[in-house]
């Protein structure tokens, strides 16, 4: 996802960044980056599927406003049930649970690596790799791919987090896969997986204050000027 983010819409109000990336411009007032962050606090960021058209991401200062947006976009259907599942997922995993999850992620990641070698794909062949991920017959769909380099660069390290077409998959702590605070880009494989939620802390906290994306993102560093650092700052993930 290389589309430049040109605006941030927080609770319905539109803000843009100045060319020198030093100020955030609202309808009536211009603030420095630090002033803007202090004013708005920790928010939820959402990258919608229509970012190519609007070039904007959405921000929500509280759960109520986030829920209203989900309803508007037709994403609210299972919200209450999903929140109950999330509360149950916020816990220390049993040793056998950790072992099972680590095995699944390692197997999925190794499979992806073998296919890259089989097709002799290089790090810069992004479009060819994307087609493989999206192919339902490749065995690589219904997963989220985290990369430690921008632009989905397989020349660095990466992990594959399998999803589930029936319910979200919760990955409480990326340190289990030696990938805590390493993610610089991510890709969502379809047709099943449609969203990913990224959190800066383990066990999906804080909330609000997470990144909810319906599209791939080639450079998490592009979020630095809005609300803190997202590049190399992801510690837990929910795959939809």
C-alpha atoms as a PDB file:
ATOM      1  CA  UNK A   1       0.000   0.000   0.000  1.00  0.00           C
ATOM      2  CA  UNK A   2       2.008   2.991  -1.270  1.00  0.00           C
ATOM      3  CA  UNK A   3      -0.710   5.633  -1.383  1.00  0.00           C
ATOM      4  CA  UNK A   4       0.435   8.716   0.497  1.00  0.00           C
ATOM      5  CA  UNK A   5      -1.711   9.618   3.476  1.00  0.00           C
ATOM      6  CA  UNK A   6      -2.726  13.218   2.923  1.00  0.00           C
ATOM      7  CA  UNK A   7      -5.156  13.796   5.779  1.00  0.00           C
ATOM      8  CA  UNK A   8      -6.373  12.533   9.132  1.00  0.00           C
ATOM      9  CA  UNK A   9     -10.050  12.797  10.010  1.00  0.00           C
ATOM     10  CA  UNK A  10     -10.447  12.726  13.820  1.00  0.00           C
ATOM     11  CA  UNK A  11     -14.015  12.421  15.108  1.00  0.00           C
ATOM     12  CA  UNK A  12     -15.260  13.870  11.832  1.00  0.00           C
ATOM     13  CA  UNK A  13     -12.829  16.829  11.699  1.00  0.00           C
ATOM     14  CA  UNK A  14     -10.238  16.925   8.928  1.00  0.00           C
ATOM     15  CA  UNK A  15      -6.556  17.715   9.545  1.00  0.00           C
ATOM     16  CA  UNK A  16      -3.614  17.889   7.165  1.00  0.00           C
ATOM     17  CA  UNK A  17       0.145  17.952   7.681  1.00  0.00           C
ATOM     18  CA  UNK A  18       2.213  20.862   6.388  1.00  0.00           C
ATOM     19  CA  UNK A  19       4.834  20.193   3.729  1.00  0.00           C
ATOM     20  CA  UNK A  20       7.664  20.581   6.246  1.00  0.00           C
ATOM     21  CA  UNK A  21       5.931  18.012   8.521  1.00  0.00           C
ATOM     22  CA  UNK A  22       6.161  20.366  11.488  1.00  0.00           C
ATOM     23  CA  UNK A  23       2.533  21.420  11.874  1.00  0.00           C
ATOM     24  CA  UNK A  24      -0.962  19.950  11.753  1.00  0.00           C
ATOM     25  CA  UNK A  25      -3.473  22.227  10.092  1.00  0.00           C
ATOM     26  CA  UNK A  26      -7.114  22.146  11.159  1.00  0.00           C
ATOM     27  CA  UNK A  27     -10.001  24.175   9.804  1.00  0.00           C
ATOM     28  CA  UNK A  28      -9.208  27.174  11.984  1.00  0.00           C
ATOM     29  CA  UNK A  29      -6.010  26.461  13.874  1.00  0.00           C
ATOM     30  CA  UNK A  30      -2.493  25.250  13.215  1.00  0.00           C
ATOM     31  CA  UNK A  31      -0.691  23.256  15.913  1.00  0.00           C
ATOM     32  CA  UNK A  32       2.749  21.771  16.226  1.00  0.00           C
ATOM     33  CA  UNK A  33       2.954  17.983  16.137  1.00  0.00           C
ATOM     34  CA  UNK A  34       3.448  17.822  19.907  1.00  0.00           C
ATOM     35  CA  UNK A  35       0.556  20.220  20.572  1.00  0.00           C
ATOM     36  CA  UNK A  36      -1.707  18.167  18.335  1.00  0.00           C
ATOM     37  CA  UNK A  37      -0.819  14.907  20.068  1.00  0.00           C
ATOM     38  CA  UNK A  38      -1.291  16.466  23.507  1.00  0.00           C
ATOM     39  CA  UNK A  39      -4.681  17.861  22.490  1.00  0.00           C
ATOM     40  CA  UNK A  40      -6.048  14.662  20.975  1.00  0.00           C
ATOM     41  CA  UNK A  41      -4.373  12.081  23.201  1.00  0.00           C
ATOM     42  CA  UNK A  42      -4.269   8.365  22.454  1.00  0.00           C
ATOM     43  CA  UNK A  43      -6.614   7.512  19.585  1.00  0.00           C
ATOM     44  CA  UNK A  44      -7.635   4.621  17.399  1.00  0.00           C
ATOM     45  CA  UNK A  45      -6.390   4.924  13.809  1.00  0.00           C
ATOM     46  CA  UNK A  46      -8.314   3.270  10.977  1.00  0.00           C
ATOM     47  CA  UNK A  47      -7.048   2.815   7.421  1.00  0.00           C
ATOM     48  CA  UNK A  48     -10.184   2.331   5.280  1.00  0.00           C
ATOM     49  CA  UNK A  49     -10.314   0.426   1.978  1.00  0.00           C
ATOM     50  CA  UNK A  50     -11.027   3.646   0.057  1.00  0.00           C
ATOM     51  CA  UNK A  51      -7.755   5.342   1.016  1.00  0.00           C
ATOM     52  CA  UNK A  52      -6.719   5.342  -2.660  1.00  0.00           C
ATOM     53  CA  UNK A  53      -9.564   7.742  -3.372  1.00  0.00           C
ATOM     54  CA  UNK A  54      -9.466   9.990  -0.320  1.00  0.00           C
ATOM     55  CA  UNK A  55      -5.885   9.665   0.855  1.00  0.00           C
ATOM     56  CA  UNK A  56      -7.144   9.894   4.446  1.00  0.00           C
ATOM     57  CA  UNK A  57      -7.090   7.780   7.550  1.00  0.00           C
ATOM     58  CA  UNK A  58      -9.625   8.088  10.356  1.00  0.00           C
ATOM     59  CA  UNK A  59      -9.020   8.654  14.042  1.00  0.00           C
ATOM     60  CA  UNK A  60     -11.327   8.197  17.021  1.00  0.00           C
ATOM     61  CA  UNK A  61     -10.786   9.608  20.493  1.00  0.00           C
ATOM     62  CA  UNK A  62     -13.023   7.080  22.237  1.00  0.00           C
ATOM     63  CA  UNK A  63     -14.724   3.734  21.748  1.00  0.00           C
ATOM     64  CA  UNK A  64     -18.170   5.267  21.204  1.00  0.00           C
ATOM     65  CA  UNK A  65     -17.083   7.247  18.161  1.00  0.00           C
ATOM     66  CA  UNK A  66     -15.211   4.229  16.825  1.00  0.00           C
ATOM     67  CA  UNK A  67     -18.353   2.099  17.160  1.00  0.00           C
ATOM     68  CA  UNK A  68     -20.397   4.720  15.308  1.00  0.00           C
ATOM     69  CA  UNK A  69     -17.933   4.547  12.409  1.00  0.00           C
ATOM     70  CA  UNK A  70     -18.095   0.738  12.357  1.00  0.00           C
ATOM     71  CA  UNK A  71     -21.890   0.922  12.138  1.00  0.00           C
ATOM     72  CA  UNK A  72     -21.690   3.458   9.299  1.00  0.00           C
ATOM     73  CA  UNK A  73     -19.278   1.224   7.366  1.00  0.00           C
ATOM     74  CA  UNK A  74     -21.289  -1.947   7.966  1.00  0.00           C
ATOM     75  CA  UNK A  75     -18.601  -3.492  10.167  1.00  0.00           C
ATOM     76  CA  UNK A  76     -20.521  -3.526  13.449  1.00  0.00           C
ATOM     77  CA  UNK A  77     -22.440  -6.772  13.063  1.00  0.00           C
ATOM     78  CA  UNK A  78     -20.363  -8.905  15.443  1.00  0.00           C
ATOM     79  CA  UNK A  79     -18.842  -6.095  17.502  1.00  0.00           C
ATOM     80  CA  UNK A  80     -20.262  -7.001  20.922  1.00  0.00           C
ATOM     81  CA  UNK A  81     -19.349 -10.663  20.526  1.00  0.00           C
ATOM     82  CA  UNK A  82     -15.863  -9.740  19.351  1.00  0.00           C
ATOM     83  CA  UNK A  83     -15.331  -7.520  22.409  1.00  0.00           C
ATOM     84  CA  UNK A  84     -16.190 -10.417  24.712  1.00  0.00           C
ATOM     85  CA  UNK A  85     -13.709 -12.599  22.841  1.00  0.00           C
ATOM     86  CA  UNK A  86     -11.090  -9.865  23.163  1.00  0.00           C
ATOM     87  CA  UNK A  87     -11.529  -9.686  26.936  1.00  0.00           C
ATOM     88  CA  UNK A  88     -11.028 -13.440  27.182  1.00  0.00           C
ATOM     89  CA  UNK A  89      -7.947 -13.205  24.972  1.00  0.00           C
ATOM     90  CA  UNK A  90      -6.278 -10.659  27.300  1.00  0.00           C
ATOM     91  CA  UNK A  91      -4.495 -13.159  29.520  1.00  0.00           C
ATOM     92  CA  UNK A  92      -1.330 -15.156  29.994  1.00  0.00           C
ATOM     93  CA  UNK A  93      -1.412 -18.148  27.685  1.00  0.00           C
ATOM     94  CA  UNK A  94      -0.938 -21.662  28.996  1.00  0.00           C
ATOM     95  CA  UNK A  95       2.334 -23.355  27.952  1.00  0.00           C
ATOM     96  CA  UNK A  96       0.519 -25.775  25.657  1.00  0.00           C
ATOM     97  CA  UNK A  97      -1.347 -22.884  24.001  1.00  0.00           C
ATOM     98  CA  UNK A  98       1.903 -21.045  23.356  1.00  0.00           C
ATOM     99  CA  UNK A  99       3.476 -24.161  21.913  1.00  0.00           C
ATOM    100  CA  UNK A 100       0.556 -24.726  19.529  1.00  0.00           C
ATOM    101  CA  UNK A 101       0.474 -21.105  18.317  1.00  0.00           C
ATOM    102  CA  UNK A 102       4.235 -20.915  17.847  1.00  0.00           C
ATOM    103  CA  UNK A 103       4.126 -24.134  15.824  1.00  0.00           C
ATOM    104  CA  UNK A 104       1.340 -22.810  13.571  1.00  0.00           C
ATOM    105  CA  UNK A 105       3.113 -19.509  12.922  1.00  0.00           C
ATOM    106  CA  UNK A 106       6.465 -21.200  12.294  1.00  0.00           C
ATOM    107  CA  UNK A 107       4.893 -23.658   9.854  1.00  0.00           C
ATOM    108  CA  UNK A 108       3.073 -20.890   7.964  1.00  0.00           C
ATOM    109  CA  UNK A 109       6.206 -18.755   7.817  1.00  0.00           C
ATOM    110  CA  UNK A 110       8.373 -21.649   6.624  1.00  0.00           C
ATOM    111  CA  UNK A 111       5.811 -22.520   3.953  1.00  0.00           C
ATOM    112  CA  UNK A 112       5.916 -18.969   2.639  1.00  0.00           C
ATOM    113  CA  UNK A 113       9.710 -19.062   2.576  1.00  0.00           C
ATOM    114  CA  UNK A 114       9.738 -22.341   0.640  1.00  0.00           C
ATOM    115  CA  UNK A 115       7.343 -20.954  -1.965  1.00  0.00           C
ATOM    116  CA  UNK A 116       9.505 -17.837  -2.383  1.00  0.00           C
ATOM    117  CA  UNK A 117      12.492 -20.095  -3.057  1.00  0.00           C
ATOM    118  CA  UNK A 118      10.479 -22.374  -5.349  1.00  0.00           C
ATOM    119  CA  UNK A 119       9.507 -19.434  -7.549  1.00  0.00           C
ATOM    120  CA  UNK A 120      12.923 -17.801  -7.093  1.00  0.00           C
ATOM    121  CA  UNK A 121      11.285 -14.541  -6.053  1.00  0.00           C
ATOM    122  CA  UNK A 122      13.436 -11.579  -5.061  1.00  0.00           C
ATOM    123  CA  UNK A 123      12.718  -8.969  -2.411  1.00  0.00           C
ATOM    124  CA  UNK A 124      11.722  -6.327  -4.974  1.00  0.00           C
ATOM    125  CA  UNK A 125       9.189  -8.532  -6.816  1.00  0.00           C
ATOM    126  CA  UNK A 126       6.355  -7.191  -4.710  1.00  0.00           C
ATOM    127  CA  UNK A 127       3.522  -7.664  -7.207  1.00  0.00           C
ATOM    128  CA  UNK A 128       4.405 -11.304  -7.929  1.00  0.00           C
ATOM    129  CA  UNK A 129       4.595 -12.087  -4.210  1.00  0.00           C
ATOM    130  CA  UNK A 130       1.265 -10.328  -3.631  1.00  0.00           C
ATOM    131  CA  UNK A 131      -0.420 -12.484  -6.295  1.00  0.00           C
ATOM    132  CA  UNK A 132       0.858 -15.627  -4.588  1.00  0.00           C
ATOM    133  CA  UNK A 133      -0.486 -14.473  -1.224  1.00  0.00           C
ATOM    134  CA  UNK A 134      -3.885 -13.745  -2.729  1.00  0.00           C
ATOM    135  CA  UNK A 135      -4.145 -17.021  -4.657  1.00  0.00           C
ATOM    136  CA  UNK A 136      -6.606 -19.273  -2.748  1.00  0.00           C
ATOM    137  CA  UNK A 137      -4.877 -22.349  -4.178  1.00  0.00           C
ATOM    138  CA  UNK A 138      -1.413 -21.358  -2.963  1.00  0.00           C
ATOM    139  CA  UNK A 139      -2.167 -22.141   0.676  1.00  0.00           C
ATOM    140  CA  UNK A 140      -0.969 -18.649   1.608  1.00  0.00           C
ATOM    141  CA  UNK A 141      -4.309 -16.840   1.815  1.00  0.00           C
ATOM    142  CA  UNK A 142      -6.276 -16.042   4.989  1.00  0.00           C
ATOM    143  CA  UNK A 143      -3.192 -14.723   6.779  1.00  0.00           C
ATOM    144  CA  UNK A 144      -1.442 -11.501   7.727  1.00  0.00           C
ATOM    145  CA  UNK A 145       2.219 -11.010   6.774  1.00  0.00           C
ATOM    146  CA  UNK A 146       4.451  -8.862   8.986  1.00  0.00           C
ATOM    147  CA  UNK A 147       7.798  -7.624   7.613  1.00  0.00           C
ATOM    148  CA  UNK A 148      10.679  -5.970   9.424  1.00  0.00           C
ATOM    149  CA  UNK A 149      11.393  -3.855   6.344  1.00  0.00           C
ATOM    150  CA  UNK A 150       9.231  -1.405   4.411  1.00  0.00           C
ATOM    151  CA  UNK A 151       7.578  -2.345   1.106  1.00  0.00           C
ATOM    152  CA  UNK A 152       6.957  -5.982   2.167  1.00  0.00           C
ATOM    153  CA  UNK A 153      10.644  -6.695   1.606  1.00  0.00           C
ATOM    154  CA  UNK A 154      11.256 -10.450   1.999  1.00  0.00           C
ATOM    155  CA  UNK A 155      14.978  -9.746   2.016  1.00  0.00           C
ATOM    156  CA  UNK A 156      14.606  -9.108   5.737  1.00  0.00           C
ATOM    157  CA  UNK A 157      12.789 -11.133   8.361  1.00  0.00           C
ATOM    158  CA  UNK A 158       9.033 -11.743   8.324  1.00  0.00           C
ATOM    159  CA  UNK A 159       6.358 -13.858   9.965  1.00  0.00           C
ATOM    160  CA  UNK A 160       3.018 -15.188   8.774  1.00  0.00           C
ATOM    161  CA  UNK A 161       0.056 -15.040  11.178  1.00  0.00           C
ATOM    162  CA  UNK A 162      -2.688 -17.444  10.029  1.00  0.00           C
ATOM    163  CA  UNK A 163      -6.269 -16.224  10.288  1.00  0.00           C
ATOM    164  CA  UNK A 164      -9.593 -17.980  10.651  1.00  0.00           C
ATOM    165  CA  UNK A 165     -12.533 -17.293   8.294  1.00  0.00           C
ATOM    166  CA  UNK A 166     -15.013 -17.883  11.137  1.00  0.00           C
ATOM    167  CA  UNK A 167     -13.569 -15.753  13.954  1.00  0.00           C
ATOM    168  CA  UNK A 168     -10.645 -13.424  14.735  1.00  0.00           C
ATOM    169  CA  UNK A 169      -7.280 -14.887  15.725  1.00  0.00           C
ATOM    170  CA  UNK A 170      -5.551 -13.246  18.680  1.00  0.00           C
ATOM    171  CA  UNK A 171      -1.748 -13.098  18.856  1.00  0.00           C
ATOM    172  CA  UNK A 172      -1.082 -11.788  22.370  1.00  0.00           C
ATOM    173  CA  UNK A 173       2.664 -11.309  22.278  1.00  0.00           C
ATOM    174  CA  UNK A 174       4.850 -11.163  19.172  1.00  0.00           C
ATOM    175  CA  UNK A 175       7.942 -11.878  21.262  1.00  0.00           C
ATOM    176  CA  UNK A 176       6.814 -15.532  21.092  1.00  0.00           C
ATOM    177  CA  UNK A 177       7.948 -15.417  17.451  1.00  0.00           C
ATOM    178  CA  UNK A 178      10.927 -13.114  18.065  1.00  0.00           C
ATOM    179  CA  UNK A 179       9.059 -10.325  16.267  1.00  0.00           C
ATOM    180  CA  UNK A 180       8.184  -7.858  19.019  1.00  0.00           C
ATOM    181  CA  UNK A 181       8.748  -4.226  17.961  1.00  0.00           C
ATOM    182  CA  UNK A 182       9.974  -5.221  14.504  1.00  0.00           C
ATOM    183  CA  UNK A 183       7.076  -4.610  12.095  1.00  0.00           C
ATOM    184  CA  UNK A 184       7.671  -1.950   9.431  1.00  0.00           C
ATOM    185  CA  UNK A 185       5.094  -3.093   6.855  1.00  0.00           C
ATOM    186  CA  UNK A 186       2.249  -5.588   6.680  1.00  0.00           C
ATOM    187  CA  UNK A 187       0.079  -7.265   4.061  1.00  0.00           C
ATOM    188  CA  UNK A 188      -3.372  -8.798   4.410  1.00  0.00           C
ATOM    189  CA  UNK A 189      -4.016 -11.842   2.246  1.00  0.00           C
ATOM    190  CA  UNK A 190      -7.507 -12.486   0.987  1.00  0.00           C
ATOM    191  CA  UNK A 191     -10.156 -13.729   0.222  1.00  0.00           C
ATOM    192  CA  UNK A 192     -10.786 -14.574   3.897  1.00  0.00           C
ATOM    193  CA  UNK A 193      -8.690 -12.175   5.964  1.00  0.00           C
ATOM    194  CA  UNK A 194     -10.042  -8.658   5.547  1.00  0.00           C
ATOM    195  CA  UNK A 195      -8.657  -6.665   8.496  1.00  0.00           C
ATOM    196  CA  UNK A 196      -5.802  -6.532  10.931  1.00  0.00           C
ATOM    197  CA  UNK A 197      -5.544  -4.693  14.244  1.00  0.00           C
ATOM    198  CA  UNK A 198      -2.100  -3.757  15.545  1.00  0.00           C
ATOM    199  CA  UNK A 199      -1.328  -2.818  19.153  1.00  0.00           C
ATOM    200  CA  UNK A 200       1.783  -1.229  20.630  1.00  0.00           C
ATOM    201  CA  UNK A 201       1.592  -3.336  23.802  1.00  0.00           C
ATOM    202  CA  UNK A 202       1.081  -7.027  24.480  1.00  0.00           C
ATOM    203  CA  UNK A 203      -2.427  -8.326  25.171  1.00  0.00           C
ATOM    204  CA  UNK A 204      -4.046  -5.715  22.894  1.00  0.00           C
ATOM    205  CA  UNK A 205      -3.714  -2.661  25.136  1.00  0.00           C
ATOM    206  CA  UNK A 206      -4.383   0.226  25.276  1.00  0.00           C
ATOM    207  CA  UNK A 207      -7.773   0.586  23.678  1.00  0.00           C
ATOM    208  CA  UNK A 208      -8.477   3.054  22.157  1.00  0.00           C
ATOM    209  CA  UNK A 209      -5.025   3.573  20.754  1.00  0.00           C
ATOM    210  CA  UNK A 210      -4.591   0.838  18.140  1.00  0.00           C
ATOM    211  CA  UNK A 211      -4.301   0.681  14.374  1.00  0.00           C
ATOM    212  CA  UNK A 212      -7.250  -0.938  12.580  1.00  0.00           C
ATOM    213  CA  UNK A 213      -6.496  -1.516   8.899  1.00  0.00           C
ATOM    214  CA  UNK A 214      -8.569  -2.845   6.021  1.00  0.00           C
ATOM    215  CA  UNK A 215      -5.687  -2.535   3.551  1.00  0.00           C
ATOM    216  CA  UNK A 216      -1.975  -3.335   3.320  1.00  0.00           C
ATOM    217  CA  UNK A 217       0.508  -0.746   4.542  1.00  0.00           C
ATOM    218  CA  UNK A 218       3.964  -0.559   2.999  1.00  0.00           C
ATOM    219  CA  UNK A 219       5.529   1.826   5.524  1.00  0.00           C
ATOM    220  CA  UNK A 220       4.375   2.146   9.121  1.00  0.00           C
ATOM    221  CA  UNK A 221       6.888   4.930   9.596  1.00  0.00           C
ATOM    222  CA  UNK A 222       4.524   7.244   7.718  1.00  0.00           C
ATOM    223  CA  UNK A 223       2.358   7.468  10.862  1.00  0.00           C
ATOM    224  CA  UNK A 224       5.028   9.096  13.026  1.00  0.00           C
ATOM    225  CA  UNK A 225       3.743  12.637  12.574  1.00  0.00           C
ATOM    226  CA  UNK A 226       0.225  11.865  13.766  1.00  0.00           C
ATOM    227  CA  UNK A 227       0.278   9.863  16.965  1.00  0.00           C
ATOM    228  CA  UNK A 228       3.600   8.514  18.116  1.00  0.00           C
ATOM    229  CA  UNK A 229       5.661   5.831  16.463  1.00  0.00           C
ATOM    230  CA  UNK A 230       4.144   2.786  14.748  1.00  0.00           C
ATOM    231  CA  UNK A 231       7.247   1.617  12.913  1.00  0.00           C
ATOM    232  CA  UNK A 232       8.999  -1.082  14.969  1.00  0.00           C
ATOM    233  CA  UNK A 233       6.392  -0.680  17.700  1.00  0.00           C
ATOM    234  CA  UNK A 234       3.862  -3.508  17.258  1.00  0.00           C
ATOM    235  CA  UNK A 235       3.616  -6.063  20.090  1.00  0.00           C
ATOM    236  CA  UNK A 236       0.253  -7.817  19.602  1.00  0.00           C
ATOM    237  CA  UNK A 237      -2.033  -8.433  16.628  1.00  0.00           C
ATOM    238  CA  UNK A 238      -5.600  -9.493  15.860  1.00  0.00           C
ATOM    239  CA  UNK A 239      -6.147 -11.132  12.463  1.00  0.00           C
ATOM    240  CA  UNK A 240      -9.666 -11.006  10.998  1.00  0.00           C
END
